[in-house]
Amino acid sequence: MRLPGLAWLELRAETDAEGRTRYRQRAFFHPRGLPGHVYWWAVSPFRALVFGGMARNIARAAARSASAPGRVPEVTR
């Protein structure tokens, strides 16, 4: 995707002290000049919708996968 700046998305899954999994996501954008700033503010009303929906869908898919019959938990460190 071509944007007036640099953009990246950070996704993390972490296990807390109680063994629960916490999903975190962060979107970064470093605007390039005035067009980058205009773009950032123009899409700001939609960011919560897009990224909130993405987080809910990922968490829902993970919950379905974890409760699937016959699933063997995978442990990676």
Protein backbone atom coordinates (compact mmCIF):
# COMPACT_ATOMS: atom_id res chain seq x y z
CA MET A 1 0.00 0.00 0.00
CA ARG A 2 1.40 3.38 -0.95
CA LEU A 3 1.10 6.00 1.76
CA PRO A 4 2.52 9.50 2.29
CA GLY A 5 4.77 8.22 5.08
CA LEU A 6 5.99 5.08 6.78
CA ALA A 7 3.48 2.75 8.41
CA TRP A 8 3.73 -0.53 10.29
CA LEU A 9 1.56 -2.66 12.50
CA GLU A 10 2.83 -4.38 15.64
CA LEU A 11 0.94 -7.49 16.80
CA ARG A 12 1.77 -9.30 20.05
CA ALA A 13 0.40 -12.24 22.01
CA GLU A 14 1.69 -12.48 25.58
CA THR A 15 0.94 -14.82 28.46
CA ASP A 16 0.44 -13.20 31.86
CA ALA A 17 1.34 -14.61 35.28
CA GLU A 18 -2.05 -16.35 35.54
CA GLY A 19 -1.62 -18.17 32.23
CA ARG A 20 -4.05 -15.98 30.29
CA THR A 21 -3.17 -14.77 26.83
CA ARG A 22 -3.28 -11.05 26.12
CA TYR A 23 -3.40 -9.74 22.55
CA ARG A 24 -1.99 -6.31 21.79
CA GLN A 25 -1.77 -4.37 18.58
CA ARG A 26 -0.34 -0.97 17.77
CA ALA A 27 -0.36 0.95 14.52
CA PHE A 28 2.48 3.34 13.80
CA PHE A 29 2.60 6.05 11.16
CA HIS A 30 5.40 8.48 10.48
CA PRO A 31 3.97 11.10 8.10
CA ARG A 32 6.02 12.46 5.22
CA GLY A 33 5.35 16.17 4.86
CA LEU A 34 2.02 17.92 4.67
CA PRO A 35 0.34 15.14 2.61
CA GLY A 36 1.24 12.65 5.36
CA HIS A 37 -0.31 14.79 8.08
CA VAL A 38 -3.44 15.41 6.01
CA TYR A 39 -3.77 11.66 5.40
CA TRP A 40 -3.31 10.86 9.12
CA TRP A 41 -6.03 13.25 10.21
CA ALA A 42 -8.36 12.33 7.33
CA VAL A 43 -8.40 8.64 8.31
CA SER A 44 -8.46 9.23 12.07
CA PRO A 45 -12.25 8.69 12.42
CA PHE A 46 -11.89 5.24 10.84
CA ARG A 47 -8.87 3.93 12.76
CA ALA A 48 -10.84 2.80 15.81
CA LEU A 49 -13.33 0.96 13.59
CA VAL A 50 -10.72 -0.79 11.48
CA PHE A 51 -8.25 -1.72 14.21
CA GLY A 52 -10.91 -2.43 16.82
CA GLY A 53 -12.62 -4.81 14.41
CA MET A 54 -9.31 -6.44 13.56
CA ALA A 55 -8.54 -7.06 17.24
CA ARG A 56 -12.01 -8.51 17.91
CA ASN A 57 -11.79 -10.83 14.88
CA ILE A 58 -8.32 -12.08 15.85
CA ALA A 59 -9.41 -12.70 19.46
CA ARG A 60 -12.60 -14.47 18.29
CA ALA A 61 -10.64 -16.72 15.90
CA ALA A 62 -8.11 -17.55 18.63
CA ALA A 63 -10.90 -18.46 21.07
CA ARG A 64 -12.54 -20.73 18.46
CA SER A 65 -9.22 -22.39 17.73
CA ALA A 66 -8.44 -22.91 21.41
CA SER A 67 -11.78 -24.59 22.04
CA ALA A 68 -11.68 -26.79 18.93
CA PRO A 69 -12.06 -30.51 19.74
CA GLY A 70 -8.85 -32.50 19.47
CA ARG A 71 -6.67 -29.42 19.52
CA VAL A 72 -3.21 -29.98 20.94
CA PRO A 73 -1.87 -26.83 22.62
CA GLU A 74 1.31 -25.53 21.04
CA VAL A 75 3.93 -24.06 23.34
CA THR A 76 6.64 -21.85 21.87
CA ARG A 77 9.18 -19.78 23.70
